[in-house]
Amino acid sequence: MKVDQQGGAKGDHLATLGPALAANVYARDGNWQQSERSFRHALELDPNRSTTRDHFALNLLIVLGRTDEAVREMWVAEKSDPLSPEV
């Protein structure tokens, strides 16, 4: 699989793999600003990807005390994919 310059995998539904994975790594390492940029980039590429919204809410927003934003992200994730086991 080839990766584009923003870290995203080239292809159809795999476009958010690179940025979303990077965002989780940055969050794990406490690099909050880069994590948020990567999550937002992943959501620009695929705004309906519920797992990205779930991880954004739980791995970044909740940790930073941005609970209202996290709840909104989880609500959007649930609306976009109500059958997802992660949401």
Protein backbone atom coordinates (compact mmCIF):
# COMPACT_ATOMS: atom_id res chain seq x y z
CA MET A 1 0.00 0.00 0.00
CA LYS A 2 1.38 3.41 -0.97
CA VAL A 3 1.14 6.37 1.39
CA ASP A 4 0.62 9.98 0.32
CA GLN A 5 2.55 12.98 1.69
CA GLN A 6 0.01 13.67 4.46
CA GLY A 7 0.42 10.13 5.76
CA GLY A 8 -2.80 8.84 4.25
CA ALA A 9 -2.99 5.56 2.41
CA LYS A 10 -3.81 5.94 -1.26
CA GLY A 11 -7.07 4.27 -2.08
CA ASP A 12 -10.76 4.48 -1.46
CA HIS A 13 -11.84 3.72 2.13
CA LEU A 14 -8.26 3.53 3.42
CA ALA A 15 -7.67 7.27 3.00
CA THR A 16 -7.85 8.01 6.73
CA LEU A 17 -5.66 5.14 7.91
CA GLY A 18 -2.41 7.14 8.04
CA PRO A 19 -3.67 10.31 9.73
CA ALA A 20 -5.95 8.47 12.16
CA LEU A 21 -3.19 6.06 13.19
CA ALA A 22 -0.73 8.93 13.58
CA ALA A 23 -3.24 10.85 15.68
CA ASN A 24 -3.56 7.93 18.11
CA VAL A 25 0.23 7.63 18.37
CA TYR A 26 0.61 11.36 19.01
CA ALA A 27 -2.12 11.21 21.66
CA ARG A 28 -0.46 8.24 23.34
CA ASP A 29 2.81 10.18 23.43
CA GLY A 30 1.15 13.33 24.78
CA ASN A 31 1.71 15.37 21.61
CA TRP A 32 -1.77 16.87 21.83
CA GLN A 33 -1.51 19.58 19.17
CA GLN A 34 -0.18 17.22 16.51
CA SER A 35 -2.71 14.61 17.52
CA GLU A 36 -5.59 17.04 17.07
CA ARG A 37 -4.27 18.18 13.68
CA SER A 38 -4.00 14.56 12.54
CA PHE A 39 -7.48 13.65 13.79
CA ARG A 40 -8.99 16.69 12.07
CA HIS A 41 -7.15 15.86 8.85
CA ALA A 42 -8.46 12.28 8.99
CA LEU A 43 -11.99 13.60 9.52
CA GLU A 44 -11.63 15.95 6.55
CA LEU A 45 -10.73 12.95 4.40
CA ASP A 46 -13.64 10.86 5.70
CA PRO A 47 -16.09 12.73 7.94
CA ASN A 48 -18.33 9.67 8.33
CA ARG A 49 -15.68 7.33 9.73
CA SER A 50 -17.11 6.59 13.17
CA THR A 51 -13.99 4.95 14.60
CA THR A 52 -11.93 8.07 13.92
CA ARG A 53 -14.51 10.21 15.72
CA ASP A 54 -14.63 7.70 18.58
CA HIS A 55 -10.84 7.72 18.98
CA PHE A 56 -10.74 11.52 18.67
CA ALA A 57 -13.26 11.83 21.48
CA LEU A 58 -11.81 9.21 23.82
CA ASN A 59 -8.07 9.47 23.17
CA LEU A 60 -7.81 13.24 22.92
CA LEU A 61 -10.83 15.33 23.85
CA ILE A 62 -11.74 13.51 27.07
CA VAL A 63 -8.11 13.39 28.17
CA LEU A 64 -7.83 17.15 27.68
CA GLY A 65 -11.05 17.78 29.62
CA ARG A 66 -12.98 18.87 26.53
CA THR A 67 -15.98 16.77 27.48
CA ASP A 68 -18.64 18.74 25.60
CA GLU A 69 -16.70 18.40 22.35
CA ALA A 70 -16.13 14.69 23.02
CA VAL A 71 -19.86 14.10 23.54
CA ARG A 72 -20.64 15.90 20.26
CA GLU A 73 -18.07 13.79 18.40
CA MET A 74 -19.51 10.59 19.86
CA TRP A 75 -23.03 11.70 18.89
CA VAL A 76 -21.90 12.32 15.28
CA ALA A 77 -20.11 8.95 15.26
CA GLU A 78 -23.24 7.17 16.43
CA LYS A 79 -25.39 8.94 13.84
CA SER A 80 -23.00 8.09 11.02
CA ASP A 81 -22.64 4.42 11.98
CA PRO A 82 -25.25 3.32 14.55
CA LEU A 83 -24.28 -0.36 14.27
CA SER A 84 -20.58 0.16 14.96
CA PRO A 85 -19.45 -1.88 17.97
CA GLU A 86 -16.92 0.85 18.88
CA VAL A 87 -19.41 3.67 19.21
